[in-house]
N, C-alpha and C. Protein backbone atom coordinates (compact mmCIF):
# COMPACT_ATOMS: atom_id res chain seq x y z
N MET A 1 -32.14 21.91 25.19
CA MET A 1 -31.55 22.44 23.97
C MET A 1 -30.20 21.76 23.74
N GLU A 2 -29.94 21.42 22.49
CA GLU A 2 -28.71 20.72 22.15
C GLU A 2 -27.89 21.58 21.19
N LEU A 3 -26.65 21.84 21.55
CA LEU A 3 -25.76 22.65 20.73
C LEU A 3 -24.89 21.72 19.89
N LYS A 4 -24.83 21.99 18.58
CA LYS A 4 -24.01 21.20 17.67
C LYS A 4 -23.05 22.13 16.94
N VAL A 5 -21.83 21.67 16.79
CA VAL A 5 -20.80 22.45 16.10
C VAL A 5 -21.13 22.50 14.61
N LEU A 6 -20.92 23.67 13.99
CA LEU A 6 -21.11 23.85 12.56
C LEU A 6 -19.75 24.18 11.94
N ALA A 7 -19.30 23.34 11.03
CA ALA A 7 -18.01 23.56 10.37
C ALA A 7 -18.08 23.03 8.95
N ASP A 8 -17.15 23.47 8.12
CA ASP A 8 -17.07 22.95 6.76
C ASP A 8 -16.56 21.52 6.76
N VAL A 9 -15.53 21.26 7.56
CA VAL A 9 -14.88 19.95 7.60
C VAL A 9 -14.84 19.45 9.03
N GLY A 10 -15.26 18.21 9.22
CA GLY A 10 -15.19 17.58 10.54
C GLY A 10 -14.13 16.50 10.51
N LEU A 11 -13.22 16.52 11.49
CA LEU A 11 -12.17 15.50 11.59
C LEU A 11 -12.72 14.34 12.39
N VAL A 12 -12.74 13.16 11.77
CA VAL A 12 -13.33 11.97 12.38
C VAL A 12 -12.26 10.89 12.52
N GLY A 13 -12.17 10.29 13.69
CA GLY A 13 -11.21 9.21 13.88
C GLY A 13 -11.23 8.71 15.31
N PHE A 14 -10.50 7.65 15.53
CA PHE A 14 -10.33 7.11 16.87
C PHE A 14 -9.47 8.08 17.69
N PRO A 15 -9.47 7.93 19.00
CA PRO A 15 -8.56 8.76 19.81
C PRO A 15 -7.11 8.59 19.34
N ASN A 16 -6.35 9.64 19.41
CA ASN A 16 -4.92 9.66 19.06
C ASN A 16 -4.65 9.40 17.58
N ALA A 17 -5.59 9.79 16.72
CA ALA A 17 -5.38 9.64 15.28
C ALA A 17 -4.62 10.83 14.69
N GLY A 18 -4.44 11.89 15.49
CA GLY A 18 -3.73 13.07 15.02
C GLY A 18 -4.65 14.21 14.64
N LYS A 19 -5.91 14.15 15.05
CA LYS A 19 -6.87 15.20 14.69
C LYS A 19 -6.49 16.56 15.28
N SER A 20 -6.21 16.60 16.56
CA SER A 20 -5.86 17.88 17.21
C SER A 20 -4.53 18.42 16.68
N THR A 21 -3.58 17.53 16.44
CA THR A 21 -2.28 17.97 15.91
C THR A 21 -2.48 18.60 14.54
N LEU A 22 -3.28 17.96 13.68
CA LEU A 22 -3.54 18.53 12.36
C LEU A 22 -4.18 19.91 12.48
N LEU A 23 -5.21 20.02 13.31
CA LEU A 23 -5.88 21.31 13.48
C LEU A 23 -4.91 22.39 13.94
N SER A 24 -4.01 22.04 14.85
CA SER A 24 -3.05 23.02 15.38
C SER A 24 -2.04 23.46 14.32
N VAL A 25 -1.79 22.62 13.33
CA VAL A 25 -0.80 22.93 12.30
C VAL A 25 -1.41 23.70 11.13
N ILE A 26 -2.66 23.40 10.76
CA ILE A 26 -3.25 24.05 9.58
C ILE A 26 -4.09 25.27 9.93
N SER A 27 -4.26 25.55 11.22
CA SER A 27 -5.02 26.73 11.64
C SER A 27 -4.32 27.37 12.84
N ALA A 28 -4.90 28.44 13.33
CA ALA A 28 -4.34 29.10 14.52
C ALA A 28 -4.91 28.50 15.81
N ALA A 29 -5.74 27.50 15.70
CA ALA A 29 -6.34 26.87 16.89
C ALA A 29 -5.25 26.22 17.73
N LYS A 30 -5.46 26.20 19.02
CA LYS A 30 -4.50 25.61 19.96
C LYS A 30 -5.19 24.57 20.84
N PRO A 31 -5.62 23.46 20.23
CA PRO A 31 -6.27 22.43 21.04
C PRO A 31 -5.27 21.72 21.95
N LYS A 32 -5.75 21.14 23.02
CA LYS A 32 -4.89 20.37 23.90
C LYS A 32 -4.45 19.11 23.15
N ILE A 33 -3.15 18.83 23.20
CA ILE A 33 -2.58 17.68 22.50
C ILE A 33 -1.79 16.86 23.52
N ALA A 34 -2.12 15.58 23.61
CA ALA A 34 -1.41 14.68 24.52
C ALA A 34 -1.50 13.26 23.98
N ASP A 35 -0.64 12.40 24.50
CA ASP A 35 -0.56 11.03 24.03
C ASP A 35 -1.41 10.09 24.88
N TYR A 36 -2.68 10.45 25.07
CA TYR A 36 -3.61 9.55 25.75
C TYR A 36 -4.99 9.76 25.16
N ALA A 37 -5.80 8.69 25.24
CA ALA A 37 -7.13 8.72 24.65
C ALA A 37 -8.01 9.77 25.32
N PHE A 38 -8.86 10.37 24.53
CA PHE A 38 -9.85 11.36 24.98
C PHE A 38 -9.21 12.61 25.59
N THR A 39 -8.10 13.05 24.99
CA THR A 39 -7.52 14.34 25.35
C THR A 39 -8.52 15.43 24.96
N THR A 40 -9.14 15.26 23.78
CA THR A 40 -10.13 16.21 23.31
C THR A 40 -11.51 15.77 23.80
N LEU A 41 -12.12 16.59 24.63
CA LEU A 41 -13.44 16.27 25.18
C LEU A 41 -14.55 17.15 24.62
N VAL A 42 -14.18 18.24 23.99
CA VAL A 42 -15.15 19.10 23.31
C VAL A 42 -14.56 19.45 21.95
N PRO A 43 -15.42 19.68 20.96
CA PRO A 43 -14.90 20.03 19.63
C PRO A 43 -14.13 21.35 19.67
N ASN A 44 -13.08 21.41 18.87
CA ASN A 44 -12.30 22.63 18.70
C ASN A 44 -12.46 23.06 17.25
N LEU A 45 -12.63 24.34 17.04
CA LEU A 45 -12.77 24.88 15.69
C LEU A 45 -11.52 25.65 15.30
N GLY A 46 -11.15 25.55 14.04
CA GLY A 46 -10.02 26.31 13.51
C GLY A 46 -10.35 26.81 12.12
N ILE A 47 -9.90 28.01 11.82
CA ILE A 47 -10.08 28.58 10.48
C ILE A 47 -8.81 28.32 9.70
N VAL A 48 -8.95 27.63 8.58
CA VAL A 48 -7.82 27.27 7.73
C VAL A 48 -7.72 28.29 6.61
N SER A 49 -6.59 28.98 6.54
CA SER A 49 -6.36 29.95 5.46
C SER A 49 -6.03 29.19 4.19
N TYR A 50 -6.65 29.64 3.10
CA TYR A 50 -6.38 29.03 1.81
C TYR A 50 -5.87 30.13 0.89
N HIS A 51 -5.76 29.89 -0.37
CA HIS A 51 -5.21 30.85 -1.32
C HIS A 51 -6.08 32.10 -1.46
N ASP A 52 -5.43 33.23 -1.72
CA ASP A 52 -6.11 34.49 -2.05
C ASP A 52 -7.13 34.92 -1.00
N GLY A 53 -6.80 34.75 0.27
CA GLY A 53 -7.67 35.20 1.35
C GLY A 53 -8.88 34.32 1.61
N LYS A 54 -8.97 33.20 0.94
CA LYS A 54 -10.09 32.28 1.17
C LYS A 54 -9.79 31.47 2.43
N SER A 55 -10.85 30.94 3.02
CA SER A 55 -10.67 30.11 4.21
C SER A 55 -11.84 29.15 4.36
N PHE A 56 -11.66 28.16 5.23
CA PHE A 56 -12.74 27.25 5.60
C PHE A 56 -12.54 26.84 7.04
N VAL A 57 -13.62 26.37 7.66
CA VAL A 57 -13.61 26.03 9.08
C VAL A 57 -13.51 24.52 9.26
N VAL A 58 -12.59 24.10 10.14
CA VAL A 58 -12.39 22.68 10.45
C VAL A 58 -12.73 22.46 11.93
N ALA A 59 -13.45 21.38 12.18
CA ALA A 59 -13.80 21.01 13.56
C ALA A 59 -13.05 19.74 13.95
N ASP A 60 -12.32 19.83 15.04
CA ASP A 60 -11.65 18.68 15.63
C ASP A 60 -12.68 18.02 16.55
N ILE A 61 -13.25 16.91 16.06
CA ILE A 61 -14.27 16.18 16.81
C ILE A 61 -13.57 15.21 17.76
N PRO A 62 -14.00 15.14 19.01
CA PRO A 62 -13.37 14.17 19.93
C PRO A 62 -13.40 12.75 19.36
N GLY A 63 -12.43 11.94 19.75
CA GLY A 63 -12.27 10.59 19.22
C GLY A 63 -13.48 9.70 19.41
N ILE A 64 -13.73 8.89 18.38
CA ILE A 64 -14.84 7.95 18.40
C ILE A 64 -14.25 6.55 18.59
N ILE A 65 -14.93 5.72 19.35
CA ILE A 65 -14.49 4.34 19.51
C ILE A 65 -15.60 3.41 19.06
N GLU A 66 -15.26 2.14 18.85
CA GLU A 66 -16.27 1.17 18.47
C GLU A 66 -17.31 1.10 19.58
N GLY A 67 -18.57 1.17 19.21
CA GLY A 67 -19.65 1.19 20.18
C GLY A 67 -20.09 2.60 20.54
N ALA A 68 -19.52 3.61 19.89
CA ALA A 68 -19.86 5.00 20.19
C ALA A 68 -21.35 5.27 20.01
N HIS A 69 -21.95 4.62 18.98
CA HIS A 69 -23.37 4.85 18.73
C HIS A 69 -24.25 4.35 19.87
N GLU A 70 -23.66 3.51 20.74
CA GLU A 70 -24.37 3.01 21.93
C GLU A 70 -24.01 3.82 23.17
N GLY A 71 -23.21 4.85 22.98
CA GLY A 71 -22.82 5.71 24.10
C GLY A 71 -21.45 5.40 24.69
N LYS A 72 -20.74 4.40 24.16
CA LYS A 72 -19.42 4.07 24.69
C LYS A 72 -18.44 5.22 24.43
N GLY A 73 -17.60 5.49 25.42
CA GLY A 73 -16.58 6.54 25.27
C GLY A 73 -17.17 7.92 25.04
N LEU A 74 -18.32 8.20 25.61
CA LEU A 74 -19.02 9.47 25.40
C LEU A 74 -19.41 9.65 23.94
N GLY A 75 -19.60 8.52 23.24
CA GLY A 75 -19.85 8.52 21.81
C GLY A 75 -21.02 9.34 21.34
N LEU A 76 -22.16 9.25 22.01
CA LEU A 76 -23.33 10.01 21.56
C LEU A 76 -23.08 11.50 21.67
N ARG A 77 -22.36 11.89 22.70
CA ARG A 77 -22.02 13.30 22.88
C ARG A 77 -21.13 13.80 21.74
N PHE A 78 -20.25 12.93 21.25
CA PHE A 78 -19.32 13.31 20.19
C PHE A 78 -19.95 13.20 18.80
N LEU A 79 -20.72 12.15 18.58
CA LEU A 79 -21.29 11.90 17.26
C LEU A 79 -22.23 13.03 16.80
N ARG A 80 -22.92 13.66 17.72
CA ARG A 80 -23.88 14.69 17.33
C ARG A 80 -23.19 15.86 16.62
N HIS A 81 -21.91 16.08 16.90
CA HIS A 81 -21.20 17.19 16.27
C HIS A 81 -20.85 16.92 14.81
N ILE A 82 -20.91 15.68 14.40
CA ILE A 82 -20.57 15.31 13.02
C ILE A 82 -21.70 15.69 12.06
N GLU A 83 -22.91 15.80 12.58
CA GLU A 83 -24.07 16.06 11.73
C GLU A 83 -24.01 17.39 11.00
N ARG A 84 -23.31 18.36 11.51
CA ARG A 84 -23.34 19.71 10.94
C ARG A 84 -22.07 20.08 10.18
N ASN A 85 -21.39 19.08 9.63
CA ASN A 85 -20.18 19.33 8.83
C ASN A 85 -20.48 18.96 7.38
N SER A 86 -19.96 19.73 6.44
CA SER A 86 -20.19 19.45 5.02
C SER A 86 -19.37 18.26 4.54
N VAL A 87 -18.10 18.21 4.96
CA VAL A 87 -17.18 17.14 4.56
C VAL A 87 -16.64 16.48 5.81
N LEU A 88 -16.54 15.17 5.78
CA LEU A 88 -15.95 14.42 6.89
C LEU A 88 -14.58 13.91 6.45
N LEU A 89 -13.56 14.31 7.17
CA LEU A 89 -12.20 13.84 6.91
C LEU A 89 -11.88 12.76 7.92
N PHE A 90 -11.91 11.52 7.47
CA PHE A 90 -11.57 10.39 8.32
C PHE A 90 -10.06 10.35 8.46
N MET A 91 -9.58 10.25 9.69
CA MET A 91 -8.15 10.26 9.95
C MET A 91 -7.76 8.95 10.61
N ILE A 92 -6.84 8.23 9.95
CA ILE A 92 -6.38 6.93 10.46
C ILE A 92 -4.86 6.93 10.44
N PRO A 93 -4.23 6.64 11.58
CA PRO A 93 -2.77 6.62 11.63
C PRO A 93 -2.18 5.48 10.81
N VAL A 94 -1.03 5.74 10.22
CA VAL A 94 -0.36 4.77 9.37
C VAL A 94 0.03 3.50 10.13
N ASP A 95 0.22 3.61 11.45
CA ASP A 95 0.63 2.43 12.22
C ASP A 95 -0.56 1.60 12.73
N THR A 96 -1.75 1.89 12.24
CA THR A 96 -2.93 1.09 12.57
C THR A 96 -2.77 -0.30 11.95
N ALA A 97 -3.18 -1.32 12.68
CA ALA A 97 -3.03 -2.70 12.20
C ALA A 97 -3.77 -2.94 10.88
N ASP A 98 -4.97 -2.40 10.73
CA ASP A 98 -5.76 -2.63 9.52
C ASP A 98 -6.56 -1.36 9.21
N VAL A 99 -6.03 -0.56 8.28
CA VAL A 99 -6.63 0.73 7.94
C VAL A 99 -8.05 0.54 7.41
N LYS A 100 -8.25 -0.42 6.51
CA LYS A 100 -9.58 -0.66 5.94
C LYS A 100 -10.59 -1.02 7.02
N LYS A 101 -10.17 -1.85 7.97
CA LYS A 101 -11.06 -2.26 9.05
C LYS A 101 -11.42 -1.07 9.94
N GLU A 102 -10.44 -0.24 10.27
CA GLU A 102 -10.70 0.93 11.11
C GLU A 102 -11.64 1.89 10.40
N TYR A 103 -11.45 2.09 9.11
CA TYR A 103 -12.34 2.94 8.33
C TYR A 103 -13.76 2.37 8.36
N ALA A 104 -13.88 1.05 8.18
CA ALA A 104 -15.20 0.40 8.20
C ALA A 104 -15.88 0.55 9.56
N ILE A 105 -15.10 0.45 10.64
CA ILE A 105 -15.66 0.62 11.99
C ILE A 105 -16.19 2.04 12.16
N LEU A 106 -15.40 3.02 11.73
CA LEU A 106 -15.83 4.42 11.85
C LEU A 106 -17.10 4.66 11.03
N LEU A 107 -17.13 4.16 9.81
CA LEU A 107 -18.33 4.30 8.97
C LEU A 107 -19.54 3.66 9.64
N ASN A 108 -19.35 2.47 10.20
CA ASN A 108 -20.44 1.77 10.87
C ASN A 108 -20.97 2.57 12.06
N GLU A 109 -20.07 3.16 12.83
CA GLU A 109 -20.51 3.96 13.97
C GLU A 109 -21.37 5.13 13.51
N LEU A 110 -20.97 5.78 12.41
CA LEU A 110 -21.76 6.89 11.88
C LEU A 110 -23.13 6.39 11.40
N GLU A 111 -23.12 5.27 10.67
CA GLU A 111 -24.37 4.72 10.14
C GLU A 111 -25.31 4.30 11.26
N GLN A 112 -24.77 3.68 12.30
CA GLN A 112 -25.61 3.24 13.42
C GLN A 112 -26.20 4.43 14.17
N TYR A 113 -25.46 5.51 14.23
CA TYR A 113 -25.95 6.72 14.89
C TYR A 113 -27.01 7.41 14.04
N SER A 114 -26.71 7.58 12.74
CA SER A 114 -27.63 8.24 11.82
C SER A 114 -27.25 7.87 10.39
N PRO A 115 -28.04 7.03 9.72
CA PRO A 115 -27.71 6.60 8.35
C PRO A 115 -27.48 7.75 7.38
N GLU A 116 -28.09 8.91 7.64
CA GLU A 116 -27.91 10.07 6.77
C GLU A 116 -26.46 10.56 6.75
N LEU A 117 -25.70 10.24 7.79
CA LEU A 117 -24.30 10.68 7.82
C LEU A 117 -23.48 10.07 6.69
N LEU A 118 -23.92 8.92 6.18
CA LEU A 118 -23.18 8.28 5.08
C LEU A 118 -23.37 9.02 3.76
N ASP A 119 -24.34 9.94 3.73
CA ASP A 119 -24.54 10.75 2.53
C ASP A 119 -23.59 11.94 2.46
N LYS A 120 -22.89 12.20 3.53
CA LYS A 120 -21.95 13.33 3.56
C LYS A 120 -20.71 13.01 2.72
N GLU A 121 -20.10 14.07 2.23
CA GLU A 121 -18.83 13.93 1.52
C GLU A 121 -17.81 13.34 2.48
N ARG A 122 -17.01 12.39 2.00
CA ARG A 122 -15.98 11.77 2.84
C ARG A 122 -14.64 11.77 2.13
N MET A 123 -13.59 11.97 2.94
CA MET A 123 -12.22 11.85 2.46
C MET A 123 -11.45 11.11 3.55
N LEU A 124 -10.29 10.60 3.19
CA LEU A 124 -9.48 9.82 4.12
C LEU A 124 -8.07 10.37 4.16
N ALA A 125 -7.59 10.66 5.37
CA ALA A 125 -6.20 11.09 5.56
C ALA A 125 -5.49 10.01 6.37
N ILE A 126 -4.43 9.48 5.81
CA ILE A 126 -3.59 8.54 6.54
C ILE A 126 -2.54 9.40 7.24
N THR A 127 -2.56 9.40 8.57
CA THR A 127 -1.72 10.30 9.36
C THR A 127 -0.42 9.63 9.81
N LYS A 128 0.47 10.46 10.31
CA LYS A 128 1.75 10.02 10.87
C LYS A 128 2.63 9.31 9.83
N CYS A 129 2.53 9.77 8.59
CA CYS A 129 3.26 9.13 7.49
C CYS A 129 4.76 9.40 7.52
N ASP A 130 5.23 10.22 8.46
CA ASP A 130 6.66 10.40 8.63
C ASP A 130 7.29 9.12 9.19
N MET A 131 6.46 8.16 9.62
CA MET A 131 6.94 6.90 10.19
C MET A 131 7.28 5.85 9.12
N ILE A 132 6.88 6.11 7.85
CA ILE A 132 7.14 5.14 6.79
C ILE A 132 7.80 5.83 5.59
N ASP A 133 8.36 5.02 4.70
CA ASP A 133 9.02 5.58 3.52
C ASP A 133 8.05 5.59 2.33
N GLU A 134 8.51 6.13 1.22
CA GLU A 134 7.68 6.28 0.02
C GLU A 134 7.17 4.94 -0.51
N VAL A 135 8.02 3.91 -0.50
CA VAL A 135 7.62 2.59 -0.99
C VAL A 135 6.48 2.02 -0.14
N MET A 136 6.60 2.16 1.17
CA MET A 136 5.54 1.68 2.06
C MET A 136 4.24 2.45 1.85
N MET A 137 4.36 3.77 1.56
CA MET A 137 3.17 4.57 1.28
C MET A 137 2.46 4.06 0.03
N GLN A 138 3.24 3.75 -1.00
CA GLN A 138 2.65 3.26 -2.24
C GLN A 138 1.97 1.91 -2.03
N GLN A 139 2.58 1.04 -1.23
CA GLN A 139 1.97 -0.26 -0.93
C GLN A 139 0.67 -0.08 -0.15
N LEU A 140 0.69 0.81 0.83
CA LEU A 140 -0.50 1.06 1.64
C LEU A 140 -1.62 1.65 0.79
N ALA A 141 -1.28 2.54 -0.13
CA ALA A 141 -2.29 3.17 -0.98
C ALA A 141 -3.08 2.14 -1.78
N LYS A 142 -2.44 1.05 -2.15
CA LYS A 142 -3.12 -0.02 -2.91
C LYS A 142 -4.17 -0.74 -2.06
N GLU A 143 -4.02 -0.68 -0.74
CA GLU A 143 -4.93 -1.39 0.16
C GLU A 143 -6.09 -0.52 0.66
N LEU A 144 -6.07 0.76 0.34
CA LEU A 144 -7.09 1.68 0.86
C LEU A 144 -8.42 1.50 0.13
N PRO A 145 -9.53 1.86 0.77
CA PRO A 145 -10.83 1.77 0.11
C PRO A 145 -10.83 2.57 -1.18
N ARG A 146 -11.39 2.03 -2.23
CA ARG A 146 -11.38 2.66 -3.55
C ARG A 146 -12.43 3.75 -3.70
N ASN A 147 -13.44 3.75 -2.86
CA ASN A 147 -14.56 4.68 -3.04
C ASN A 147 -14.39 5.99 -2.28
N VAL A 148 -13.19 6.25 -1.78
CA VAL A 148 -12.96 7.48 -1.04
C VAL A 148 -11.58 8.04 -1.41
N LYS A 149 -11.55 9.33 -1.69
CA LYS A 149 -10.28 9.98 -2.02
C LYS A 149 -9.41 10.04 -0.77
N HIS A 150 -8.11 9.80 -0.94
CA HIS A 150 -7.22 9.76 0.23
C HIS A 150 -5.97 10.61 0.00
N VAL A 151 -5.32 10.90 1.12
CA VAL A 151 -4.05 11.63 1.10
C VAL A 151 -3.20 11.12 2.26
N MET A 152 -1.91 11.06 2.04
CA MET A 152 -0.96 10.65 3.08
C MET A 152 -0.38 11.93 3.68
N ILE A 153 -0.46 12.07 5.01
CA ILE A 153 0.02 13.29 5.64
C ILE A 153 0.87 13.01 6.88
N SER A 154 1.63 13.99 7.25
CA SER A 154 2.31 14.02 8.54
C SER A 154 2.22 15.46 9.03
N SER A 155 1.44 15.67 10.07
CA SER A 155 1.30 17.01 10.63
C SER A 155 2.61 17.48 11.24
N VAL A 156 3.37 16.57 11.83
CA VAL A 156 4.64 16.92 12.48
C VAL A 156 5.68 17.33 11.44
N ALA A 157 5.78 16.57 10.35
CA ALA A 157 6.77 16.86 9.30
C ALA A 157 6.24 17.85 8.26
N GLY A 158 4.94 18.11 8.27
CA GLY A 158 4.36 19.02 7.29
C GLY A 158 4.12 18.39 5.93
N THR A 159 4.19 17.08 5.85
CA THR A 159 4.06 16.36 4.59
C THR A 159 2.59 16.23 4.18
N GLY A 160 2.29 16.54 2.93
CA GLY A 160 0.96 16.33 2.38
C GLY A 160 -0.09 17.34 2.82
N LEU A 161 0.27 18.34 3.60
CA LEU A 161 -0.73 19.27 4.13
C LEU A 161 -1.29 20.20 3.06
N ASN A 162 -0.45 20.66 2.14
CA ASN A 162 -0.96 21.50 1.05
C ASN A 162 -1.88 20.70 0.15
N GLU A 163 -1.51 19.47 -0.14
CA GLU A 163 -2.37 18.59 -0.94
C GLU A 163 -3.70 18.37 -0.23
N LEU A 164 -3.65 18.16 1.09
CA LEU A 164 -4.87 17.97 1.87
C LEU A 164 -5.77 19.21 1.78
N LYS A 165 -5.20 20.39 1.97
CA LYS A 165 -6.00 21.62 1.91
C LYS A 165 -6.60 21.80 0.52
N ASP A 166 -5.82 21.49 -0.52
CA ASP A 166 -6.34 21.58 -1.89
C ASP A 166 -7.51 20.62 -2.08
N MET A 167 -7.36 19.39 -1.62
CA MET A 167 -8.43 18.39 -1.74
C MET A 167 -9.68 18.83 -1.00
N LEU A 168 -9.51 19.34 0.21
CA LEU A 168 -10.66 19.79 1.00
C LEU A 168 -11.37 20.95 0.32
N TRP A 169 -10.59 21.93 -0.15
CA TRP A 169 -11.18 23.09 -0.81
C TRP A 169 -11.98 22.65 -2.04
N LYS A 170 -11.37 21.79 -2.86
CA LYS A 170 -12.06 21.32 -4.07
C LYS A 170 -13.33 20.57 -3.71
N ARG A 171 -13.27 19.74 -2.68
CA ARG A 171 -14.44 18.96 -2.26
C ARG A 171 -15.54 19.88 -1.73
N LEU A 172 -15.16 20.90 -0.98
CA LEU A 172 -16.14 21.83 -0.43
C LEU A 172 -16.84 22.63 -1.53
N HIS A 173 -16.15 22.83 -2.66
CA HIS A 173 -16.70 23.65 -3.74
C HIS A 173 -16.97 22.84 -5.00
N SER A 174 -17.11 21.55 -4.84
CA SER A 174 -17.34 20.65 -5.97
C SER A 174 -18.83 20.58 -6.32
N THR A 175 -19.08 20.34 -7.58
CA THR A 175 -20.46 20.11 -8.02
C THR A 175 -20.73 18.63 -8.21
N PHE A 176 -19.72 17.79 -7.97
CA PHE A 176 -19.88 16.35 -8.10
C PHE A 176 -20.77 15.83 -6.97
N PRO A 177 -21.45 14.72 -7.20
CA PRO A 177 -22.26 14.12 -6.12
C PRO A 177 -21.37 13.63 -4.98
N ALA A 178 -21.96 13.44 -3.83
CA ALA A 178 -21.24 12.99 -2.64
C ALA A 178 -20.40 11.76 -2.94
N ASN A 179 -19.19 11.78 -2.43
CA ASN A 179 -18.25 10.67 -2.47
C ASN A 179 -17.83 10.27 -3.88
N HIS A 180 -17.92 11.21 -4.82
CA HIS A 180 -17.37 11.01 -6.16
C HIS A 180 -15.86 11.12 -6.04
N VAL A 181 -15.16 10.12 -6.54
CA VAL A 181 -13.70 10.15 -6.49
C VAL A 181 -13.23 10.69 -7.83
N ASP A 182 -12.76 11.96 -7.80
CA ASP A 182 -12.30 12.57 -9.06
C ASP A 182 -10.80 12.52 -9.18
């Protein structure tokens, strides 16, 4: 028997992308947070409070690495939890050498594991944005993939978190087809 996490939003990214930190800030969940790869070994769930008593569930999925679909880095164990999420929030740190390339690698890992995962709603959060200024954010935004809605956030500074929750709520309750950028 195989147990898979069921959540509204699944946080997808490489190790140390800020997934656990985000979950700890937007929910009451207390995942282990440390500055080394694979701190998170099992998914953590958090209930995110939204306006007027509404809420949604977010799953902190352990970090995925290139080759995860082949079992690298416990990849198969982690990838199975992505199947039961309505929206996938890809999280990429602002200090990544090539955000577009990292996003493409993550998408490829999902596709190689199960092509149906590409049919899921996707959003992109650029994390750790407290490390750059507004001008750099605007320049980076021009380089991001055009087919996915994005938001710049900093879980530590609290920047962009309300916008992120609004985007997630709208996406979870949208009637638009998957990956429509509104």
